[in-house]
Amino acid sequence: MSEFDSKTASSRQTYPVTESNRVKRIAERASYDEATIHSIIDSSYLCHVGFMQNARPVVIPMAHWRIGGYLYLHSAKKGRFAKICVDNDIAVSIATFDGIALAGC
């Protein structure tokens, strides 16, 4: 890494690593860099949101967008999902797909 790159990297904002967001599988490929995460969020229109309802896991696709450091999910203001989010944790998954690696074919 060049001197310029190391200065740039050290001045970038990163999200704190916590037990709930720490990548466990192939952790060396994880990034907590704010700019990287924001670019992934901004390049996608669809996310999957997981939550518990009636003691059962539920995952639904939802439209999303980001303004500043906030992630917004398209939902009815007084709907089932909004009510569930008030007192419960949710999980959000956003993925980008830019190719397939074929091996051993």
PDB file of N, CA and C in Angstrom:
ATOM      1  N   MET A   1       0.860  -1.186   0.000  1.00  0.00           N
ATOM      2  CA  MET A   1       0.000   0.000   0.000  1.00  0.00           C
ATOM      3  C   MET A   1       0.896   1.236   0.000  1.00  0.00           C
ATOM      4  N   SER A   2       0.620   2.159  -0.855  1.00  0.00           N
ATOM      5  CA  SER A   2       1.419   3.383  -0.930  1.00  0.00           C
ATOM      6  C   SER A   2       1.112   4.288   0.255  1.00  0.00           C
ATOM      7  N   GLU A   3       1.950   5.306   0.425  1.00  0.00           N
ATOM      8  CA  GLU A   3       1.732   6.264   1.517  1.00  0.00           C
ATOM      9  C   GLU A   3       0.380   6.954   1.366  1.00  0.00           C
ATOM     10  N   PHE A   4       0.030   7.333   0.128  1.00  0.00           N
ATOM     11  CA  PHE A   4      -1.262   7.979  -0.117  1.00  0.00           C
ATOM     12  C   PHE A   4      -2.406   7.040   0.254  1.00  0.00           C
ATOM     13  N   ASP A   5      -2.308   5.773  -0.186  1.00  0.00           N
ATOM     14  CA  ASP A   5      -3.362   4.801   0.114  1.00  0.00           C
ATOM     15  C   ASP A   5      -3.512   4.577   1.614  1.00  0.00           C
ATOM     16  N   SER A   6      -2.404   4.486   2.337  1.00  0.00           N
ATOM     17  CA  SER A   6      -2.503   4.244   3.771  1.00  0.00           C
ATOM     18  C   SER A   6      -3.108   5.443   4.493  1.00  0.00           C
ATOM     19  N   LYS A   7      -2.811   6.664   4.023  1.00  0.00           N
ATOM     20  CA  LYS A   7      -3.426   7.849   4.633  1.00  0.00           C
ATOM     21  C   LYS A   7      -4.920   7.878   4.341  1.00  0.00           C
ATOM     22  N   THR A   8      -5.277   7.557   3.096  1.00  0.00           N
ATOM     23  CA  THR A   8      -6.691   7.551   2.718  1.00  0.00           C
ATOM     24  C   THR A   8      -7.436   6.488   3.508  1.00  0.00           C
ATOM     25  N   ALA A   9      -6.858   5.298   3.593  1.00  0.00           N
ATOM     26  CA  ALA A   9      -7.521   4.200   4.300  1.00  0.00           C
ATOM     27  C   ALA A   9      -7.705   4.520   5.773  1.00  0.00           C
ATOM     28  N   SER A  10      -6.699   5.155   6.394  1.00  0.00           N
ATOM     29  CA  SER A  10      -6.815   5.443   7.820  1.00  0.00           C
ATOM     30  C   SER A  10      -7.799   6.571   8.103  1.00  0.00           C
ATOM     31  N   SER A  11      -8.077   7.417   7.094  1.00  0.00           N
ATOM     32  CA  SER A  11      -9.003   8.525   7.318  1.00  0.00           C
ATOM     33  C   SER A  11     -10.449   8.152   6.974  1.00  0.00           C
ATOM     34  N   ARG A  12     -10.677   6.964   6.428  1.00  0.00           N
ATOM     35  CA  ARG A  12     -12.024   6.548   6.042  1.00  0.00           C
ATOM     36  C   ARG A  12     -12.805   6.142   7.281  1.00  0.00           C
ATOM     37  N   GLN A  13     -14.096   6.368   7.211  1.00  0.00           N
ATOM     38  CA  GLN A  13     -14.989   5.987   8.305  1.00  0.00           C
ATOM     39  C   GLN A  13     -15.301   4.499   8.198  1.00  0.00           C
ATOM     40  N   THR A  14     -15.336   3.816   9.317  1.00  0.00           N
ATOM     41  CA  THR A  14     -15.744   2.413   9.333  1.00  0.00           C
ATOM     42  C   THR A  14     -16.816   2.212  10.390  1.00  0.00           C
ATOM     43  N   TYR A  15     -17.674   1.241  10.137  1.00  0.00           N
ATOM     44  CA  TYR A  15     -18.676   0.875  11.132  1.00  0.00           C
ATOM     45  C   TYR A  15     -18.011   0.011  12.190  1.00  0.00           C
ATOM     46  N   PRO A  16     -18.441   0.112  13.442  1.00  0.00           N
ATOM     47  CA  PRO A  16     -17.858  -0.730  14.483  1.00  0.00           C
ATOM     48  C   PRO A  16     -18.215  -2.196  14.243  1.00  0.00           C
ATOM     49  N   VAL A  17     -17.276  -3.082  14.552  1.00  0.00           N
ATOM     50  CA  VAL A  17     -17.523  -4.517  14.429  1.00  0.00           C
ATOM     51  C   VAL A  17     -18.107  -4.996  15.749  1.00  0.00           C
ATOM     52  N   THR A  18     -19.291  -5.588  15.681  1.00  0.00           N
ATOM     53  CA  THR A  18     -19.960  -6.110  16.874  1.00  0.00           C
ATOM     54  C   THR A  18     -20.229  -7.596  16.677  1.00  0.00           C
ATOM     55  N   GLU A  19     -20.642  -8.256  17.714  1.00  0.00           N
ATOM     56  CA  GLU A  19     -20.964  -9.681  17.600  1.00  0.00           C
ATOM     57  C   GLU A  19     -22.108  -9.912  16.613  1.00  0.00           C
ATOM     58  N   SER A  20     -23.026  -8.975  16.517  1.00  0.00           N
ATOM     59  CA  SER A  20     -24.167  -9.182  15.618  1.00  0.00           C
ATOM     60  C   SER A  20     -23.853  -8.870  14.152  1.00  0.00           C
ATOM     61  N   ASN A  21     -22.792  -8.112  13.860  1.00  0.00           N
ATOM     62  CA  ASN A  21     -22.494  -7.816  12.451  1.00  0.00           C
ATOM     63  C   ASN A  21     -21.159  -8.390  11.978  1.00  0.00           C
ATOM     64  N   ARG A  22     -20.442  -9.069  12.856  1.00  0.00           N
ATOM     65  CA  ARG A  22     -19.129  -9.619  12.499  1.00  0.00           C
ATOM     66  C   ARG A  22     -19.300 -10.754  11.495  1.00  0.00           C
ATOM     67  N   VAL A  23     -18.600 -10.654  10.372  1.00  0.00           N
ATOM     68  CA  VAL A  23     -18.639 -11.709   9.359  1.00  0.00           C
ATOM     69  C   VAL A  23     -17.809 -12.879   9.859  1.00  0.00           C
ATOM     70  N   LYS A  24     -18.398 -14.063   9.843  1.00  0.00           N
ATOM     71  CA  LYS A  24     -17.729 -15.246  10.373  1.00  0.00           C
ATOM     72  C   LYS A  24     -17.148 -16.130   9.271  1.00  0.00           C
ATOM     73  N   ARG A  25     -17.807 -16.205   8.123  1.00  0.00           N
ATOM     74  CA  ARG A  25     -17.340 -17.059   7.029  1.00  0.00           C
ATOM     75  C   ARG A  25     -16.547 -16.204   6.038  1.00  0.00           C
ATOM     76  N   ILE A  26     -15.332 -16.595   5.785  1.00  0.00           N
ATOM     77  CA  ILE A  26     -14.397 -15.868   4.922  1.00  0.00           C
ATOM     78  C   ILE A  26     -14.284 -14.410   5.408  1.00  0.00           C
ATOM     79  N   ALA A  27     -13.979 -14.268   6.676  1.00  0.00           N
ATOM     80  CA  ALA A  27     -13.945 -12.957   7.333  1.00  0.00           C
ATOM     81  C   ALA A  27     -12.946 -11.992   6.696  1.00  0.00           C
ATOM     82  N   GLU A  28     -11.883 -12.515   6.092  1.00  0.00           N
ATOM     83  CA  GLU A  28     -10.883 -11.625   5.489  1.00  0.00           C
ATOM     84  C   GLU A  28     -11.430 -10.880   4.268  1.00  0.00           C
ATOM     85  N   ARG A  29     -12.569 -11.316   3.733  1.00  0.00           N
ATOM     86  CA  ARG A  29     -13.178 -10.618   2.589  1.00  0.00           C
ATOM     87  C   ARG A  29     -14.211  -9.585   3.033  1.00  0.00           C
ATOM     88  N   ALA A  30     -14.448  -9.494   4.330  1.00  0.00           N
ATOM     89  CA  ALA A  30     -15.455  -8.564   4.858  1.00  0.00           C
ATOM     90  C   ALA A  30     -14.931  -7.131   4.828  1.00  0.00           C
ATOM     91  N   SER A  31     -15.853  -6.196   4.703  1.00  0.00           N
ATOM     92  CA  SER A  31     -15.501  -4.780   4.775  1.00  0.00           C
ATOM     93  C   SER A  31     -16.503  -4.074   5.678  1.00  0.00           C
ATOM     94  N   TYR A  32     -15.988  -3.278   6.586  1.00  0.00           N
ATOM     95  CA  TYR A  32     -16.829  -2.470   7.457  1.00  0.00           C
ATOM     96  C   TYR A  32     -16.683  -0.992   7.091  1.00  0.00           C
ATOM     97  N   ASP A  33     -16.053  -0.752   5.954  1.00  0.00           N
ATOM     98  CA  ASP A  33     -15.823   0.590   5.444  1.00  0.00           C
ATOM     99  C   ASP A  33     -17.151   1.223   5.031  1.00  0.00           C
ATOM    100  N   GLU A  34     -17.422   2.399   5.559  1.00  0.00           N
ATOM    101  CA  GLU A  34     -18.694   3.085   5.308  1.00  0.00           C
ATOM    102  C   GLU A  34     -18.943   3.317   3.817  1.00  0.00           C
ATOM    103  N   ALA A  35     -17.947   3.770   3.089  1.00  0.00           N
ATOM    104  CA  ALA A  35     -18.125   4.052   1.658  1.00  0.00           C
ATOM    105  C   ALA A  35     -18.441   2.781   0.876  1.00  0.00           C
ATOM    106  N   THR A  36     -17.782   1.680   1.217  1.00  0.00           N
ATOM    107  CA  THR A  36     -18.043   0.408   0.542  1.00  0.00           C
ATOM    108  C   THR A  36     -19.457  -0.068   0.819  1.00  0.00           C
ATOM    109  N   ILE A  37     -19.860  -0.018   2.071  1.00  0.00           N
ATOM    110  CA  ILE A  37     -21.205  -0.463   2.450  1.00  0.00           C
ATOM    111  C   ILE A  37     -22.261   0.420   1.801  1.00  0.00           C
ATOM    112  N   HIS A  38     -22.051   1.718   1.819  1.00  0.00           N
ATOM    113  CA  HIS A  38     -23.018   2.628   1.190  1.00  0.00           C
ATOM    114  C   HIS A  38     -23.126   2.367  -0.314  1.00  0.00           C
ATOM    115  N   SER A  39     -22.013   2.063  -0.969  1.00  0.00           N
ATOM    116  CA  SER A  39     -22.072   1.801  -2.413  1.00  0.00           C
ATOM    117  C   SER A  39     -22.849   0.520  -2.711  1.00  0.00           C
ATOM    118  N   ILE A  40     -22.750  -0.483  -1.856  1.00  0.00           N
ATOM    119  CA  ILE A  40     -23.534  -1.713  -2.031  1.00  0.00           C
ATOM    120  C   ILE A  40     -25.013  -1.418  -1.837  1.00  0.00           C
ATOM    121  N   ILE A  41     -25.346  -0.691  -0.791  1.00  0.00           N
ATOM    122  CA  ILE A  41     -26.749  -0.330  -0.537  1.00  0.00           C
ATOM    123  C   ILE A  41     -27.304   0.480  -1.703  1.00  0.00           C
ATOM    124  N   ASP A  42     -26.542   1.459  -2.164  1.00  0.00           N
ATOM    125  CA  ASP A  42     -27.009   2.362  -3.218  1.00  0.00           C
ATOM    126  C   ASP A  42     -27.126   1.686  -4.583  1.00  0.00           C
ATOM    127  N   SER A  43     -26.384   0.607  -4.805  1.00  0.00           N
ATOM    128  CA  SER A  43     -26.417  -0.055  -6.112  1.00  0.00           C
ATOM    129  C   SER A  43     -27.523  -1.099  -6.221  1.00  0.00           C
ATOM    130  N   SER A  44     -28.236  -1.318  -5.142  1.00  0.00           N
ATOM    131  CA  SER A  44     -29.285  -2.339  -5.135  1.00  0.00           C
ATOM    132  C   SER A  44     -30.628  -1.708  -4.796  1.00  0.00           C
ATOM    133  N   TYR A  45     -31.680  -2.287  -5.336  1.00  0.00           N
ATOM    134  CA  TYR A  45     -33.026  -1.795  -5.040  1.00  0.00           C
ATOM    135  C   TYR A  45     -33.785  -2.749  -4.133  1.00  0.00           C
ATOM    136  N   LEU A  46     -33.280  -3.966  -4.006  1.00  0.00           N
ATOM    137  CA  LEU A  46     -33.994  -5.012  -3.284  1.00  0.00           C
ATOM    138  C   LEU A  46     -33.146  -5.535  -2.140  1.00  0.00           C
ATOM    139  N   CYS A  47     -33.770  -5.698  -0.989  1.00  0.00           N
ATOM    140  CA  CYS A  47     -33.111  -6.338   0.138  1.00  0.00           C
ATOM    141  C   CYS A  47     -34.046  -7.423   0.665  1.00  0.00           C
ATOM    142  N   HIS A  48     -33.529  -8.276   1.526  1.00  0.00           N
ATOM    143  CA  HIS A  48     -34.357  -9.277   2.191  1.00  0.00           C
ATOM    144  C   HIS A  48     -34.294  -8.981   3.684  1.00  0.00           C
ATOM    145  N   VAL A  49     -35.450  -8.952   4.302  1.00  0.00           N
ATOM    146  CA  VAL A  49     -35.557  -8.603   5.712  1.00  0.00           C
ATOM    147  C   VAL A  49     -36.098  -9.806   6.469  1.00  0.00           C
ATOM    148  N   GLY A  50     -35.379 -10.186   7.513  1.00  0.00           N
ATOM    149  CA  GLY A  50     -35.788 -11.313   8.338  1.00  0.00           C
ATOM    150  C   GLY A  50     -36.257 -10.831   9.699  1.00  0.00           C
ATOM    151  N   PHE A  51     -37.297 -11.486  10.198  1.00  0.00           N
ATOM    152  CA  PHE A  51     -37.820 -11.162  11.525  1.00  0.00           C
ATOM    153  C   PHE A  51     -38.596 -12.360  12.047  1.00  0.00           C
ATOM    154  N   MET A  52     -38.932 -12.328  13.316  1.00  0.00           N
ATOM    155  CA  MET A  52     -39.722 -13.395  13.935  1.00  0.00           C
ATOM    156  C   MET A  52     -41.169 -12.938  14.033  1.00  0.00           C
ATOM    157  N   GLN A  53     -42.074 -13.838  13.658  1.00  0.00           N
ATOM    158  CA  GLN A  53     -43.503 -13.560  13.793  1.00  0.00           C
ATOM    159  C   GLN A  53     -44.181 -14.834  14.274  1.00  0.00           C
ATOM    160  N   ASN A  54     -44.884 -14.721  15.395  1.00  0.00           N
ATOM    161  CA  ASN A  54     -45.551 -15.879  15.994  1.00  0.00           C
ATOM    162  C   ASN A  54     -44.569 -17.030  16.208  1.00  0.00           C
ATOM    163  N   ALA A  55     -43.392 -16.704  16.727  1.00  0.00           N
ATOM    164  CA  ALA A  55     -42.333 -17.666  17.056  1.00  0.00           C
ATOM    165  C   ALA A  55     -41.796 -18.403  15.831  1.00  0.00           C
ATOM    166  N   ARG A  56     -41.969 -17.848  14.645  1.00  0.00           N
ATOM    167  CA  ARG A  56     -41.472 -18.454  13.415  1.00  0.00           C
ATOM    168  C   ARG A  56     -40.664 -17.419  12.626  1.00  0.00           C
ATOM    169  N   PRO A  57     -39.560 -17.855  12.016  1.00  0.00           N
ATOM    170  CA  PRO A  57     -38.778 -16.921  11.204  1.00  0.00           C
ATOM    171  C   PRO A  57     -39.480 -16.607   9.883  1.00  0.00           C
ATOM    172  N   VAL A  58     -39.438 -15.342   9.496  1.00  0.00           N
ATOM    173  CA  VAL A  58     -40.038 -14.875   8.246  1.00  0.00           C
ATOM    174  C   VAL A  58     -38.994 -14.024   7.525  1.00  0.00           C
ATOM    175  N   VAL A  59     -38.857 -14.216   6.225  1.00  0.00           N
ATOM    176  CA  VAL A  59     -37.969 -13.389   5.402  1.00  0.00           C
ATOM    177  C   VAL A  59     -38.781 -12.896   4.213  1.00  0.00           C
ATOM    178  N   ILE A  60     -38.772 -11.577   4.008  1.00  0.00           N
ATOM    179  CA  ILE A  60     -39.529 -11.004   2.892  1.00  0.00           C
ATOM    180  C   ILE A  60     -38.638 -10.072   2.073  1.00  0.00           C
ATOM    181  N   PRO A  61     -38.856 -10.026   0.761  1.00  0.00           N
ATOM    182  CA  PRO A  61     -38.127  -9.064  -0.065  1.00  0.00           C
ATOM    183  C   PRO A  61     -38.759  -7.686   0.091  1.00  0.00           C
ATOM    184  N   MET A  62     -37.923  -6.663   0.121  1.00  0.00           N
ATOM    185  CA  MET A  62     -38.431  -5.298   0.273  1.00  0.00           C
ATOM    186  C   MET A  62     -37.587  -4.331  -0.542  1.00  0.00           C
ATOM    187  N   ALA A  63     -38.224  -3.276  -1.009  1.00  0.00           N
ATOM    188  CA  ALA A  63     -37.493  -2.173  -1.630  1.00  0.00           C
ATOM    189  C   ALA A  63     -36.834  -1.354  -0.518  1.00  0.00           C
ATOM    190  N   HIS A  64     -35.667  -0.818  -0.799  1.00  0.00           N
ATOM    191  CA  HIS A  64     -34.963  -0.009   0.202  1.00  0.00           C
ATOM    192  C   HIS A  64     -34.241   1.151  -0.480  1.00  0.00           C
ATOM    193  N   TRP A  65     -33.846   2.107   0.334  1.00  0.00           N
ATOM    194  CA  TRP A  65     -32.999   3.216  -0.111  1.00  0.00           C
ATOM    195  C   TRP A  65     -32.287   3.772   1.108  1.00  0.00           C
ATOM    196  N   ARG A  66     -31.243   4.555   0.836  1.00  0.00           N
ATOM    197  CA  ARG A  66     -30.425   5.117   1.912  1.00  0.00           C
ATOM    198  C   ARG A  66     -30.404   6.626   1.775  1.00  0.00           C
ATOM    199  N   ILE A  67     -30.528   7.303   2.905  1.00  0.00           N
ATOM    200  CA  ILE A  67     -30.302   8.743   2.984  1.00  0.00           C
ATOM    201  C   ILE A  67     -29.344   8.945   4.151  1.00  0.00           C
ATOM    202  N   GLY A  68     -28.145   9.437   3.838  1.00  0.00           N
ATOM    203  CA  GLY A  68     -27.134   9.588   4.881  1.00  0.00           C
ATOM    204  C   GLY A  68     -26.800   8.235   5.484  1.00  0.00           C
ATOM    205  N   GLY A  69     -26.826   8.168   6.793  1.00  0.00           N
ATOM    206  CA  GLY A  69     -26.527   6.923   7.486  1.00  0.00           C
ATOM    207  C   GLY A  69     -27.746   6.093   7.813  1.00  0.00           C
ATOM    208  N   TYR A  70     -28.887   6.412   7.213  1.00  0.00           N
ATOM    209  CA  TYR A  70     -30.131   5.697   7.513  1.00  0.00           C
ATOM    210  C   TYR A  70     -30.576   4.842   6.338  1.00  0.00           C
ATOM    211  N   LEU A  71     -31.024   3.632   6.635  1.00  0.00           N
ATOM    212  CA  LEU A  71     -31.588   2.729   5.641  1.00  0.00           C
ATOM    213  C   LEU A  71     -33.100   2.759   5.794  1.00  0.00           C
ATOM    214  N   TYR A  72     -33.788   3.005   4.698  1.00  0.00           N
ATOM    215  CA  TYR A  72     -35.250   3.057   4.710  1.00  0.00           C
ATOM    216  C   TYR A  72     -35.801   1.846   3.974  1.00  0.00           C
ATOM    217  N   LEU A  73     -36.885   1.291   4.498  1.00  0.00           N
ATOM    218  CA  LEU A  73     -37.546   0.139   3.898  1.00  0.00           C
ATOM    219  C   LEU A  73     -38.949   0.541   3.493  1.00  0.00           C
ATOM    220  N   HIS A  74     -39.365   0.138   2.303  1.00  0.00           N
ATOM    221  CA  HIS A  74     -40.699   0.480   1.810  1.00  0.00           C
ATOM    222  C   HIS A  74     -41.729  -0.376   2.536  1.00  0.00           C
ATOM    223  N   SER A  75     -42.590   0.278   3.292  1.00  0.00           N
ATOM    224  CA  SER A  75     -43.577  -0.437   4.098  1.00  0.00           C
ATOM    225  C   SER A  75     -44.735   0.495   4.414  1.00  0.00           C
ATOM    226  N   ALA A  76     -45.891  -0.092   4.641  1.00  0.00           N
ATOM    227  CA  ALA A  76     -47.034   0.710   5.085  1.00  0.00           C
ATOM    228  C   ALA A  76     -46.734   1.249   6.479  1.00  0.00           C
ATOM    229  N   LYS A  77     -47.026   2.510   6.706  1.00  0.00           N
ATOM    230  CA  LYS A  77     -46.697   3.170   7.971  1.00  0.00           C
ATOM    231  C   LYS A  77     -47.307   2.460   9.181  1.00  0.00           C
ATOM    232  N   LYS A  78     -48.514   1.938   9.039  1.00  0.00           N
ATOM    233  CA  LYS A  78     -49.186   1.264  10.156  1.00  0.00           C
ATOM    234  C   LYS A  78     -49.419  -0.218   9.871  1.00  0.00           C
ATOM    235  N   GLY A  79     -48.641  -0.775   8.953  1.00  0.00           N
ATOM    236  CA  GLY A  79     -48.810  -2.176   8.574  1.00  0.00           C
ATOM    237  C   GLY A  79     -48.171  -3.143   9.555  1.00  0.00           C
ATOM    238  N   ARG A  80     -48.309  -4.438   9.239  1.00  0.00           N
ATOM    239  CA  ARG A  80     -47.795  -5.526  10.078  1.00  0.00           C
ATOM    240  C   ARG A  80     -46.293  -5.391  10.290  1.00  0.00           C
ATOM    241  N   PHE A  81     -45.550  -5.125   9.221  1.00  0.00           N
ATOM    242  CA  PHE A  81     -44.099  -5.044   9.334  1.00  0.00           C
ATOM    243  C   PHE A  81     -43.663  -3.882  10.224  1.00  0.00           C
ATOM    244  N   ALA A  82     -44.286  -2.731  10.068  1.00  0.00           N
ATOM    245  CA  ALA A  82     -43.943  -1.564  10.893  1.00  0.00           C
ATOM    246  C   ALA A  82     -44.181  -1.856  12.371  1.00  0.00           C
ATOM    247  N   LYS A  83     -45.262  -2.547  12.667  1.00  0.00           N
ATOM    248  CA  LYS A  83     -45.565  -2.892  14.067  1.00  0.00           C
ATOM    249  C   LYS A  83     -44.545  -3.872  14.627  1.00  0.00           C
ATOM    250  N   ILE A  84     -44.129  -4.835  13.820  1.00  0.00           N
ATOM    251  CA  ILE A  84     -43.142  -5.817  14.267  1.00  0.00           C
ATOM    252  C   ILE A  84     -41.809  -5.138  14.573  1.00  0.00           C
ATOM    253  N   CYS A  85     -41.432  -4.147  13.781  1.00  0.00           N
ATOM    254  CA  CYS A  85     -40.131  -3.486  13.932  1.00  0.00           C
ATOM    255  C   CYS A  85     -40.019  -2.632  15.187  1.00  0.00           C
ATOM    256  N   VAL A  86     -41.137  -2.234  15.758  1.00  0.00           N
ATOM    257  CA  VAL A  86     -41.100  -1.328  16.906  1.00  0.00           C
ATOM    258  C   VAL A  86     -40.340  -1.931  18.080  1.00  0.00           C
ATOM    259  N   ASP A  87     -40.613  -3.174  18.436  1.00  0.00           N
ATOM    260  CA  ASP A  87     -40.011  -3.770  19.629  1.00  0.00           C
ATOM    261  C   ASP A  87     -39.137  -4.981  19.339  1.00  0.00           C
ATOM    262  N   ASN A  88     -38.803  -5.228  18.092  1.00  0.00           N
ATOM    263  CA  ASN A  88     -38.061  -6.435  17.743  1.00  0.00           C
ATOM    264  C   ASN A  88     -36.875  -6.123  16.841  1.00  0.00           C
ATOM    265  N   ASP A  89     -35.880  -6.995  16.918  1.00  0.00           N
ATOM    266  CA  ASP A  89     -34.741  -6.892  16.013  1.00  0.00           C
ATOM    267  C   ASP A  89     -35.144  -7.438  14.648  1.00  0.00           C
ATOM    268  N   ILE A  90     -34.534  -6.893  13.608  1.00  0.00           N
ATOM    269  CA  ILE A  90     -34.704  -7.430  12.264  1.00  0.00           C
ATOM    270  C   ILE A  90     -33.314  -7.639  11.675  1.00  0.00           C
ATOM    271  N   ALA A  91     -33.232  -8.459  10.649  1.00  0.00           N
ATOM    272  CA  ALA A  91     -31.983  -8.669   9.923  1.00  0.00           C
ATOM    273  C   ALA A  91     -32.206  -8.239   8.485  1.00  0.00           C
ATOM    274  N   VAL A  92     -31.245  -7.508   7.929  1.00  0.00           N
ATOM    275  CA  VAL A  92     -31.347  -7.039   6.549  1.00  0.00           C
ATOM    276  C   VAL A  92     -30.168  -7.603   5.766  1.00  0.00           C
ATOM    277  N   SER A  93     -30.469  -8.170   4.609  1.00  0.00           N
ATOM    278  CA  SER A  93     -29.445  -8.717   3.731  1.00  0.00           C
ATOM    279  C   SER A  93     -29.548  -8.038   2.370  1.00  0.00           C
ATOM    280  N   ILE A  94     -28.423  -7.486   1.916  1.00  0.00           N
ATOM    281  CA  ILE A  94     -28.351  -6.857   0.600  1.00  0.00           C
ATOM    282  C   ILE A  94     -27.150  -7.471  -0.108  1.00  0.00           C
ATOM    283  N   ALA A  95     -27.364  -7.955  -1.308  1.00  0.00           N
ATOM    284  CA  ALA A  95     -26.279  -8.598  -2.049  1.00  0.00           C
ATOM    285  C   ALA A  95     -26.161  -7.997  -3.437  1.00  0.00           C
ATOM    286  N   THR A  96     -24.945  -7.985  -3.932  1.00  0.00           N
ATOM    287  CA  THR A  96     -24.729  -7.629  -5.326  1.00  0.00           C
ATOM    288  C   THR A  96     -24.309  -8.897  -6.053  1.00  0.00           C
ATOM    289  N   PHE A  97     -24.642  -8.976  -7.308  1.00  0.00           N
ATOM    290  CA  PHE A  97     -24.337 -10.158  -8.110  1.00  0.00           C
ATOM    291  C   PHE A  97     -23.725  -9.677  -9.411  1.00  0.00           C
ATOM    292  N   ASP A  98     -22.441  -9.950  -9.578  1.00  0.00           N
ATOM    293  CA  ASP A  98     -21.785  -9.437 -10.777  1.00  0.00           C
ATOM    294  C   ASP A  98     -21.090 -10.512 -11.598  1.00  0.00           C
ATOM    295  N   GLY A  99     -21.390 -11.772 -11.321  1.00  0.00           N
ATOM    296  CA  GLY A  99     -20.804 -12.831 -12.133  1.00  0.00           C
ATOM    297  C   GLY A  99     -20.847 -14.171 -11.436  1.00  0.00           C
ATOM    298  N   ILE A 100     -20.510 -15.192 -12.192  1.00  0.00           N
ATOM    299  CA  ILE A 100     -20.490 -16.559 -11.673  1.00  0.00           C
ATOM    300  C   ILE A 100     -19.101 -17.130 -11.919  1.00  0.00           C
ATOM    301  N   ALA A 101     -18.546 -17.786 -10.917  1.00  0.00           N
ATOM    302  CA  ALA A 101     -17.269 -18.476 -11.066  1.00  0.00           C
ATOM    303  C   ALA A 101     -17.557 -19.969 -11.201  1.00  0.00           C
ATOM    304  N   LEU A 102     -17.252 -20.524 -12.353  1.00  0.00           N
ATOM    305  CA  LEU A 102     -17.463 -21.951 -12.590  1.00  0.00           C
ATOM    306  C   LEU A 102     -16.147 -22.673 -12.353  1.00  0.00           C
ATOM    307  N   ALA A 103     -16.189 -23.673 -11.497  1.00  0.00           N
ATOM    308  CA  ALA A 103     -14.982 -24.430 -11.196  1.00  0.00           C
ATOM    309  C   ALA A 103     -15.301 -25.923 -11.222  1.00  0.00           C
ATOM    310  N   GLY A 104     -14.377 -26.695 -11.691  1.00  0.00           N
ATOM    311  CA  GLY A 104     -14.540 -28.144 -11.698  1.00  0.00           C
ATOM    312  C   GLY A 104     -15.591 -28.655 -12.656  1.00  0.00           C
ATOM    313  N   CYS A 105     -15.876 -27.914 -13.715  1.00  0.00           N
ATOM    314  CA  CYS A 105     -16.900 -28.355 -14.680  1.00  0.00           C
ATOM    315  C   CYS A 105     -16.305 -29.233 -15.742  1.00  0.00           C
TER     316      CYS A 105
END
